[in-house]
């Protein structure tokens, strides 16, 4: 399964995977509006992959097949203060 990956100029670390290059027909208009003008990053063959860096390969393939696109959002920011507080509670 080939797919095209685009990055968002508006939202850092946000990527849109499509089944076909430059075919945005399946992507909702509201999503495209907030995503901004998609910038092509790469074309990859998902069948040759065992994993992806920040996305679940099985989920990406399923959403490409079912919806025609997959939206990869950035990971949530680390909350170091909460981690520190939790660590301190385990020590007391």
PDB file of N, CA and C in Angstrom:
ATOM      1  N   UNK A   1       0.848  -1.182   0.000  1.00  0.00           N
ATOM      2  CA  UNK A   1       0.000   0.000   0.000  1.00  0.00           C
ATOM      3  C   UNK A   1       0.888   1.237   0.000  1.00  0.00           C
ATOM      4  N   UNK A   2       0.814   2.002  -1.073  1.00  0.00           N
ATOM      5  CA  UNK A   2       1.552   3.255  -1.164  1.00  0.00           C
ATOM      6  C   UNK A   2       0.738   4.365  -0.523  1.00  0.00           C
ATOM      7  N   UNK A   3       1.436   5.327   0.069  1.00  0.00           N
ATOM      8  CA  UNK A   3       0.732   6.493   0.592  1.00  0.00           C
ATOM      9  C   UNK A   3       1.627   7.720   0.513  1.00  0.00           C
ATOM     10  N   UNK A   4       0.973   8.864   0.460  1.00  0.00           N
ATOM     11  CA  UNK A   4       1.659  10.147   0.444  1.00  0.00           C
ATOM     12  C   UNK A   4       1.487  10.780   1.814  1.00  0.00           C
ATOM     13  N   UNK A   5       2.557  11.365   2.327  1.00  0.00           N
ATOM     14  CA  UNK A   5       2.511  12.007   3.646  1.00  0.00           C
ATOM     15  C   UNK A   5       2.773  13.500   3.467  1.00  0.00           C
ATOM     16  N   UNK A   6       1.871  14.292   4.057  1.00  0.00           N
ATOM     17  CA  UNK A   6       1.950  15.749   3.993  1.00  0.00           C
ATOM     18  C   UNK A   6       2.077  16.311   5.400  1.00  0.00           C
ATOM     19  N   UNK A   7       2.830  17.401   5.526  1.00  0.00           N
ATOM     20  CA  UNK A   7       2.903  18.072   6.829  1.00  0.00           C
ATOM     21  C   UNK A   7       2.086  19.346   6.780  1.00  0.00           C
ATOM     22  N   UNK A   8       1.651  19.766   7.954  1.00  0.00           N
ATOM     23  CA  UNK A   8       0.859  20.975   8.078  1.00  0.00           C
ATOM     24  C   UNK A   8       1.767  22.177   8.315  1.00  0.00           C
ATOM     25  N   UNK A   9       1.563  23.251   7.573  1.00  0.00           N
ATOM     26  CA  UNK A   9       2.327  24.464   7.854  1.00  0.00           C
ATOM     27  C   UNK A   9       1.770  25.213   9.067  1.00  0.00           C
ATOM     28  N   UNK A  10       0.546  24.887   9.474  1.00  0.00           N
ATOM     29  CA  UNK A  10      -0.121  25.587  10.575  1.00  0.00           C
ATOM     30  C   UNK A  10       0.081  24.919  11.926  1.00  0.00           C
ATOM     31  N   UNK A  11       0.211  23.608  11.920  1.00  0.00           N
ATOM     32  CA  UNK A  11       0.257  22.865  13.180  1.00  0.00           C
ATOM     33  C   UNK A  11       1.518  22.010  13.206  1.00  0.00           C
ATOM     34  N   UNK A  12       2.414  22.301  14.134  1.00  0.00           N
ATOM     35  CA  UNK A  12       3.677  21.600  14.259  1.00  0.00           C
ATOM     36  C   UNK A  12       3.452  20.110  14.520  1.00  0.00           C
ATOM     37  N   UNK A  13       4.239  19.267  13.885  1.00  0.00           N
ATOM     38  CA  UNK A  13       4.218  17.818  14.058  1.00  0.00           C
ATOM     39  C   UNK A  13       2.869  17.182  13.715  1.00  0.00           C
ATOM     40  N   UNK A  14       2.137  17.775  12.774  1.00  0.00           N
ATOM     41  CA  UNK A  14       0.858  17.241  12.345  1.00  0.00           C
ATOM     42  C   UNK A  14       0.990  16.817  10.882  1.00  0.00           C
ATOM     43  N   UNK A  15       0.635  15.559  10.616  1.00  0.00           N
ATOM     44  CA  UNK A  15       0.821  14.977   9.292  1.00  0.00           C
ATOM     45  C   UNK A  15      -0.468  14.350   8.793  1.00  0.00           C
ATOM     46  N   UNK A  16      -0.658  14.387   7.490  1.00  0.00           N
ATOM     47  CA  UNK A  16      -1.823  13.816   6.833  1.00  0.00           C
ATOM     48  C   UNK A  16      -1.330  12.752   5.854  1.00  0.00           C
ATOM     49  N   UNK A  17      -1.825  11.526   6.032  1.00  0.00           N
ATOM     50  CA  UNK A  17      -1.480  10.410   5.156  1.00  0.00           C
ATOM     51  C   UNK A  17      -2.634  10.223   4.176  1.00  0.00           C
ATOM     52  N   UNK A  18      -2.310  10.086   2.888  1.00  0.00           N
ATOM     53  CA  UNK A  18      -3.327   9.880   1.857  1.00  0.00           C
ATOM     54  C   UNK A  18      -3.008   8.634   1.039  1.00  0.00           C
ATOM     55  N   UNK A  19      -4.061   8.000   0.548  1.00  0.00           N
ATOM     56  CA  UNK A  19      -3.879   6.827  -0.314  1.00  0.00           C
ATOM     57  C   UNK A  19      -3.231   7.208  -1.638  1.00  0.00           C
ATOM     58  N   UNK A  20      -3.584   8.368  -2.166  1.00  0.00           N
ATOM     59  CA  UNK A  20      -3.071   8.814  -3.455  1.00  0.00           C
ATOM     60  C   UNK A  20      -2.522  10.231  -3.329  1.00  0.00           C
ATOM     61  N   UNK A  21      -1.407  10.448  -3.982  1.00  0.00           N
ATOM     62  CA  UNK A  21      -0.781  11.770  -3.955  1.00  0.00           C
ATOM     63  C   UNK A  21      -1.733  12.838  -4.490  1.00  0.00           C
ATOM     64  N   UNK A  22      -1.851  13.907  -3.729  1.00  0.00           N
ATOM     65  CA  UNK A  22      -2.650  15.084  -4.089  1.00  0.00           C
ATOM     66  C   UNK A  22      -4.142  14.800  -4.253  1.00  0.00           C
ATOM     67  N   UNK A  23      -4.639  13.696  -3.691  1.00  0.00           N
ATOM     68  CA  UNK A  23      -6.074  13.384  -3.758  1.00  0.00           C
ATOM     69  C   UNK A  23      -6.679  13.643  -2.378  1.00  0.00           C
ATOM     70  N   UNK A  24      -7.178  14.854  -2.187  1.00  0.00           N
ATOM     71  CA  UNK A  24      -7.713  15.278  -0.897  1.00  0.00           C
ATOM     72  C   UNK A  24      -9.237  15.153  -0.829  1.00  0.00           C
ATOM     73  N   UNK A  25      -9.832  14.437  -1.763  1.00  0.00           N
ATOM     74  CA  UNK A  25     -11.293  14.328  -1.849  1.00  0.00           C
ATOM     75  C   UNK A  25     -11.911  13.732  -0.587  1.00  0.00           C
ATOM     76  N   UNK A  26     -11.240  12.798   0.067  1.00  0.00           N
ATOM     77  CA  UNK A  26     -11.796  12.135   1.250  1.00  0.00           C
ATOM     78  C   UNK A  26     -11.622  12.950   2.534  1.00  0.00           C
ATOM     79  N   UNK A  27     -10.784  13.964   2.484  1.00  0.00           N
ATOM     80  CA  UNK A  27     -10.481  14.758   3.690  1.00  0.00           C
ATOM     81  C   UNK A  27     -11.568  15.816   3.880  1.00  0.00           C
ATOM     82  N   UNK A  28     -12.174  15.884   5.072  1.00  0.00           N
ATOM     83  CA  UNK A  28     -13.208  16.903   5.323  1.00  0.00           C
ATOM     84  C   UNK A  28     -12.662  18.326   5.113  1.00  0.00           C
ATOM     85  N   UNK A  29     -13.509  19.181   4.579  1.00  0.00           N
ATOM     86  CA  UNK A  29     -13.113  20.562   4.285  1.00  0.00           C
ATOM     87  C   UNK A  29     -12.644  21.299   5.535  1.00  0.00           C
ATOM     88  N   UNK A  30     -13.299  21.076   6.663  1.00  0.00           N
ATOM     89  CA  UNK A  30     -12.911  21.749   7.913  1.00  0.00           C
ATOM     90  C   UNK A  30     -11.506  21.324   8.343  1.00  0.00           C
ATOM     91  N   UNK A  31     -11.202  20.047   8.161  1.00  0.00           N
ATOM     92  CA  UNK A  31      -9.865  19.558   8.510  1.00  0.00           C
ATOM     93  C   UNK A  31      -8.818  20.196   7.611  1.00  0.00           C
ATOM     94  N   UNK A  32      -9.079  20.240   6.320  1.00  0.00           N
ATOM     95  CA  UNK A  32      -8.129  20.868   5.395  1.00  0.00           C
ATOM     96  C   UNK A  32      -7.940  22.345   5.699  1.00  0.00           C
ATOM     97  N   UNK A  33      -9.006  23.032   6.091  1.00  0.00           N
ATOM     98  CA  UNK A  33      -8.916  24.454   6.405  1.00  0.00           C
ATOM     99  C   UNK A  33      -8.009  24.693   7.611  1.00  0.00           C
ATOM    100  N   UNK A  34      -8.145  23.878   8.642  1.00  0.00           N
ATOM    101  CA  UNK A  34      -7.306  24.068   9.830  1.00  0.00           C
ATOM    102  C   UNK A  34      -5.898  23.523   9.610  1.00  0.00           C
ATOM    103  N   UNK A  35      -5.758  22.522   8.741  1.00  0.00           N
ATOM    104  CA  UNK A  35      -4.456  21.921   8.443  1.00  0.00           C
ATOM    105  C   UNK A  35      -3.556  22.900   7.700  1.00  0.00           C
ATOM    106  N   UNK A  36      -4.158  23.702   6.813  1.00  0.00           N
ATOM    107  CA  UNK A  36      -3.380  24.618   5.992  1.00  0.00           C
ATOM    108  C   UNK A  36      -3.029  23.964   4.669  1.00  0.00           C
ATOM    109  N   UNK A  37      -2.239  24.637   3.847  1.00  0.00           N
ATOM    110  CA  UNK A  37      -1.849  24.089   2.547  1.00  0.00           C
ATOM    111  C   UNK A  37      -0.875  22.933   2.772  1.00  0.00           C
ATOM    112  N   UNK A  38      -1.300  21.699   2.475  1.00  0.00           N
ATOM    113  CA  UNK A  38      -0.447  20.534   2.730  1.00  0.00           C
ATOM    114  C   UNK A  38       0.862  20.599   1.953  1.00  0.00           C
ATOM    115  N   UNK A  39       1.944  20.252   2.641  1.00  0.00           N
ATOM    116  CA  UNK A  39       3.270  20.232   2.026  1.00  0.00           C
ATOM    117  C   UNK A  39       3.730  18.777   1.964  1.00  0.00           C
ATOM    118  N   UNK A  40       3.953  18.255   0.744  1.00  0.00           N
ATOM    119  CA  UNK A  40       4.365  16.868   0.569  1.00  0.00           C
ATOM    120  C   UNK A  40       5.706  16.623   1.248  1.00  0.00           C
ATOM    121  N   UNK A  41       5.749  15.587   2.083  1.00  0.00           N
ATOM    122  CA  UNK A  41       6.983  15.213   2.775  1.00  0.00           C
ATOM    123  C   UNK A  41       7.631  14.031   2.073  1.00  0.00           C
ATOM    124  N   UNK A  42       6.827  12.982   1.831  1.00  0.00           N
ATOM    125  CA  UNK A  42       7.380  11.771   1.223  1.00  0.00           C
ATOM    126  C   UNK A  42       6.268  10.864   0.718  1.00  0.00           C
ATOM    127  N   UNK A  43       6.665   9.926  -0.119  1.00  0.00           N
ATOM    128  CA  UNK A  43       5.818   8.828  -0.557  1.00  0.00           C
ATOM    129  C   UNK A  43       6.441   7.558   0.008  1.00  0.00           C
ATOM    130  N   UNK A  44       5.628   6.714   0.662  1.00  0.00           N
ATOM    131  CA  UNK A  44       6.182   5.483   1.217  1.00  0.00           C
ATOM    132  C   UNK A  44       5.271   4.301   0.895  1.00  0.00           C
ATOM    133  N   UNK A  45       5.890   3.124   0.869  1.00  0.00           N
ATOM    134  CA  UNK A  45       5.148   1.888   0.702  1.00  0.00           C
ATOM    135  C   UNK A  45       4.961   1.288   2.095  1.00  0.00           C
ATOM    136  N   UNK A  46       3.748   1.299   2.595  1.00  0.00           N
ATOM    137  CA  UNK A  46       3.475   0.803   3.943  1.00  0.00           C
ATOM    138  C   UNK A  46       3.641  -0.710   4.036  1.00  0.00           C
ATOM    139  N   UNK A  47       3.526  -1.414   2.914  1.00  0.00           N
ATOM    140  CA  UNK A  47       3.687  -2.870   2.939  1.00  0.00           C
ATOM    141  C   UNK A  47       5.124  -3.285   3.222  1.00  0.00           C
ATOM    142  N   UNK A  48       6.081  -2.412   2.950  1.00  0.00           N
ATOM    143  CA  UNK A  48       7.497  -2.713   3.207  1.00  0.00           C
ATOM    144  C   UNK A  48       7.932  -2.327   4.615  1.00  0.00           C
ATOM    145  N   UNK A  49       7.018  -1.811   5.410  1.00  0.00           N
ATOM    146  CA  UNK A  49       7.343  -1.323   6.752  1.00  0.00           C
ATOM    147  C   UNK A  49       6.850  -2.288   7.818  1.00  0.00           C
ATOM    148  N   UNK A  50       7.568  -2.327   8.927  1.00  0.00           N
ATOM    149  CA  UNK A  50       7.106  -3.091  10.090  1.00  0.00           C
ATOM    150  C   UNK A  50       6.572  -2.149  11.158  1.00  0.00           C
ATOM    151  N   UNK A  51       6.948  -0.859  11.062  1.00  0.00           N
ATOM    152  CA  UNK A  51       6.465   0.130  12.017  1.00  0.00           C
ATOM    153  C   UNK A  51       6.655   1.526  11.430  1.00  0.00           C
ATOM    154  N   UNK A  52       6.037   2.486  12.107  1.00  0.00           N
ATOM    155  CA  UNK A  52       6.205   3.900  11.779  1.00  0.00           C
ATOM    156  C   UNK A  52       6.697   4.611  13.032  1.00  0.00           C
ATOM    157  N   UNK A  53       7.318   5.762  12.861  1.00  0.00           N
ATOM    158  CA  UNK A  53       7.929   6.464  13.990  1.00  0.00           C
ATOM    159  C   UNK A  53       6.926   6.829  15.084  1.00  0.00           C
ATOM    160  N   UNK A  54       5.872   7.528  14.747  1.00  0.00           N
ATOM    161  CA  UNK A  54       4.940   8.015  15.764  1.00  0.00           C
ATOM    162  C   UNK A  54       3.494   7.619  15.510  1.00  0.00           C
ATOM    163  N   UNK A  55       3.284   6.617  14.658  1.00  0.00           N
ATOM    164  CA  UNK A  55       1.920   6.185  14.362  1.00  0.00           C
ATOM    165  C   UNK A  55       1.872   4.659  14.337  1.00  0.00           C
ATOM    166  N   UNK A  56       0.708   4.123  14.648  1.00  0.00           N
ATOM    167  CA  UNK A  56       0.480   2.680  14.624  1.00  0.00           C
ATOM    168  C   UNK A  56       0.227   2.265  13.172  1.00  0.00           C
ATOM    169  N   UNK A  57       1.102   1.441  12.634  1.00  0.00           N
ATOM    170  CA  UNK A  57       1.032   1.046  11.231  1.00  0.00           C
ATOM    171  C   UNK A  57      -0.301   0.389  10.882  1.00  0.00           C
ATOM    172  N   UNK A  58      -0.795  -0.479  11.743  1.00  0.00           N
ATOM    173  CA  UNK A  58      -2.066  -1.155  11.497  1.00  0.00           C
ATOM    174  C   UNK A  58      -3.215  -0.153  11.435  1.00  0.00           C
ATOM    175  N   UNK A  59      -3.204   0.809  12.350  1.00  0.00           N
ATOM    176  CA  UNK A  59      -4.256   1.831  12.377  1.00  0.00           C
ATOM    177  C   UNK A  59      -4.176   2.727  11.140  1.00  0.00           C
ATOM    178  N   UNK A  60      -2.978   3.089  10.732  1.00  0.00           N
ATOM    179  CA  UNK A  60      -2.802   3.930   9.540  1.00  0.00           C
ATOM    180  C   UNK A  60      -3.382   3.223   8.319  1.00  0.00           C
ATOM    181  N   UNK A  61      -3.025   1.941   8.140  1.00  0.00           N
ATOM    182  CA  UNK A  61      -3.536   1.180   6.992  1.00  0.00           C
ATOM    183  C   UNK A  61      -5.060   1.072   7.033  1.00  0.00           C
ATOM    184  N   UNK A  62      -5.601   0.803   8.207  1.00  0.00           N
ATOM    185  CA  UNK A  62      -7.053   0.652   8.350  1.00  0.00           C
ATOM    186  C   UNK A  62      -7.775   1.957   8.013  1.00  0.00           C
ATOM    187  N   UNK A  63      -7.270   3.070   8.520  1.00  0.00           N
ATOM    188  CA  UNK A  63      -7.931   4.358   8.266  1.00  0.00           C
ATOM    189  C   UNK A  63      -7.781   4.786   6.805  1.00  0.00           C
ATOM    190  N   UNK A  64      -6.642   4.475   6.194  1.00  0.00           N
ATOM    191  CA  UNK A  64      -6.480   4.777   4.773  1.00  0.00           C
ATOM    192  C   UNK A  64      -7.495   3.988   3.946  1.00  0.00           C
ATOM    193  N   UNK A  65      -7.698   2.728   4.313  1.00  0.00           N
ATOM    194  CA  UNK A  65      -8.656   1.882   3.592  1.00  0.00           C
ATOM    195  C   UNK A  65     -10.092   2.327   3.835  1.00  0.00           C
ATOM    196  N   UNK A  66     -10.425   2.620   5.084  1.00  0.00           N
ATOM    197  CA  UNK A  66     -11.808   2.951   5.453  1.00  0.00           C
ATOM    198  C   UNK A  66     -12.196   4.400   5.182  1.00  0.00           C
ATOM    199  N   UNK A  67     -11.295   5.341   5.480  1.00  0.00           N
ATOM    200  CA  UNK A  67     -11.629   6.764   5.372  1.00  0.00           C
ATOM    201  C   UNK A  67     -10.946   7.450   4.194  1.00  0.00           C
ATOM    202  N   UNK A  68      -9.846   6.879   3.723  1.00  0.00           N
ATOM    203  CA  UNK A  68      -9.098   7.502   2.632  1.00  0.00           C
ATOM    204  C   UNK A  68      -8.001   8.435   3.102  1.00  0.00           C
ATOM    205  N   UNK A  69      -7.892   8.616   4.411  1.00  0.00           N
ATOM    206  CA  UNK A  69      -6.828   9.458   4.969  1.00  0.00           C
ATOM    207  C   UNK A  69      -6.571   9.055   6.425  1.00  0.00           C
ATOM    208  N   UNK A  70      -5.412   9.467   6.949  1.00  0.00           N
ATOM    209  CA  UNK A  70      -5.081   9.283   8.360  1.00  0.00           C
ATOM    210  C   UNK A  70      -4.437  10.572   8.838  1.00  0.00           C
ATOM    211  N   UNK A  71      -4.878  11.078   9.964  1.00  0.00           N
ATOM    212  CA  UNK A  71      -4.324  12.301  10.541  1.00  0.00           C
ATOM    213  C   UNK A  71      -3.446  11.937  11.728  1.00  0.00           C
ATOM    214  N   UNK A  72      -2.177  12.300  11.644  1.00  0.00           N
ATOM    215  CA  UNK A  72      -1.237  12.055  12.746  1.00  0.00           C
ATOM    216  C   UNK A  72      -1.038  13.354  13.512  1.00  0.00           C
ATOM    217  N   UNK A  73      -1.452  13.349  14.758  1.00  0.00           N
ATOM    218  CA  UNK A  73      -1.314  14.519  15.620  1.00  0.00           C
ATOM    219  C   UNK A  73      -0.047  14.395  16.459  1.00  0.00           C
ATOM    220  N   UNK A  74       0.497  15.509  16.940  1.00  0.00           N
ATOM    221  CA  UNK A  74       1.701  15.441  17.756  1.00  0.00           C
ATOM    222  C   UNK A  74       1.413  14.769  19.096  1.00  0.00           C
ATOM    223  N   UNK A  75       2.441  14.155  19.683  1.00  0.00           N
ATOM    224  CA  UNK A  75       2.237  13.569  21.005  1.00  0.00           C
ATOM    225  C   UNK A  75       1.938  14.670  22.018  1.00  0.00           C
ATOM    226  N   UNK A  76       1.197  14.339  23.082  1.00  0.00           N
ATOM    227  CA  UNK A  76       0.906  15.369  24.083  1.00  0.00           C
ATOM    228  C   UNK A  76       2.196  15.837  24.754  1.00  0.00           C
ATOM    229  N   UNK A  77       2.241  17.099  25.154  1.00  0.00           N
ATOM    230  CA  UNK A  77       3.449  17.604  25.814  1.00  0.00           C
ATOM    231  C   UNK A  77       3.660  16.921  27.167  1.00  0.00           C
ATOM    232  N   UNK A  78       4.904  16.763  27.512  1.00  0.00           N
ATOM    233  CA  UNK A  78       5.224  16.163  28.806  1.00  0.00           C
ATOM    234  C   UNK A  78       4.850  17.130  29.926  1.00  0.00           C
ATOM    235  N   UNK A  79       4.292  16.609  30.992  1.00  0.00           N
ATOM    236  CA  UNK A  79       3.984  17.406  32.164  1.00  0.00           C
ATOM    237  C   UNK A  79       4.986  17.013  33.247  1.00  0.00           C
ATOM    238  N   UNK A  80       6.151  17.651  33.199  1.00  0.00           N
ATOM    239  CA  UNK A  80       7.227  17.290  34.122  1.00  0.00           C
ATOM    240  C   UNK A  80       6.870  17.576  35.567  1.00  0.00           C
ATOM    241  N   UNK A  81       6.077  18.618  35.814  1.00  0.00           N
ATOM    242  CA  UNK A  81       5.681  18.936  37.180  1.00  0.00           C
ATOM    243  C   UNK A  81       4.813  17.814  37.751  1.00  0.00           C
ATOM    244  N   UNK A  82       3.855  17.333  36.971  1.00  0.00           N
ATOM    245  CA  UNK A  82       2.994  16.237  37.437  1.00  0.00           C
ATOM    246  C   UNK A  82       3.818  14.975  37.686  1.00  0.00           C
ATOM    247  N   UNK A  83       4.763  14.697  36.800  1.00  0.00           N
ATOM    248  CA  UNK A  83       5.623  13.528  36.985  1.00  0.00           C
ATOM    249  C   UNK A  83       6.444  13.657  38.265  1.00  0.00           C
ATOM    250  N   UNK A  84       6.965  14.850  38.513  1.00  0.00           N
ATOM    251  CA  UNK A  84       7.764  15.083  39.715  1.00  0.00           C
ATOM    252  C   UNK A  84       6.905  14.914  40.978  1.00  0.00           C
ATOM    253  N   UNK A  85       5.699  15.474  40.960  1.00  0.00           N
ATOM    254  CA  UNK A  85       4.804  15.349  42.117  1.00  0.00           C
ATOM    255  C   UNK A  85       4.457  13.887  42.376  1.00  0.00           C
ATOM    256  N   UNK A  86       4.176  13.135  41.331  1.00  0.00           N
ATOM    257  CA  UNK A  86       3.855  11.716  41.487  1.00  0.00           C
ATOM    258  C   UNK A  86       5.054  10.962  42.050  1.00  0.00           C
ATOM    259  N   UNK A  87       6.224  11.293  41.561  1.00  0.00           N
ATOM    260  CA  UNK A  87       7.449  10.646  42.062  1.00  0.00           C
ATOM    261  C   UNK A  87       7.655  10.978  43.541  1.00  0.00           C
ATOM    262  N   UNK A  88       7.434  12.225  43.907  1.00  0.00           N
ATOM    263  CA  UNK A  88       7.638  12.634  45.297  1.00  0.00           C
ATOM    264  C   UNK A  88       6.620  11.946  46.231  1.00  0.00           C
ATOM    265  N   UNK A  89       5.415  11.707  45.772  1.00  0.00           N
ATOM    266  CA  UNK A  89       4.415  11.021  46.587  1.00  0.00           C
ATOM    267  C   UNK A  89       4.803   9.567  46.828  1.00  0.00           C
ATOM    268  N   UNK A  90       5.479   8.949  45.890  1.00  0.00           N
ATOM    269  CA  UNK A  90       5.892   7.555  46.066  1.00  0.00           C
ATOM    270  C   UNK A  90       7.041   7.459  47.066  1.00  0.00           C
ATOM    271  N   UNK A  91       7.752   8.537  47.286  1.00  0.00           N
ATOM    272  CA  UNK A  91       8.903   8.528  48.205  1.00  0.00           C
ATOM    273  C   UNK A  91       8.501   8.852  49.623  1.00  0.00           C
ATOM    274  N   UNK A  92       7.286   9.383  49.832  1.00  0.00           N
ATOM    275  CA  UNK A  92       6.926   9.784  51.198  1.00  0.00           C
ATOM    276  C   UNK A  92       6.176   8.704  51.934  1.00  0.00           C
TER     277      UNK A  92
END
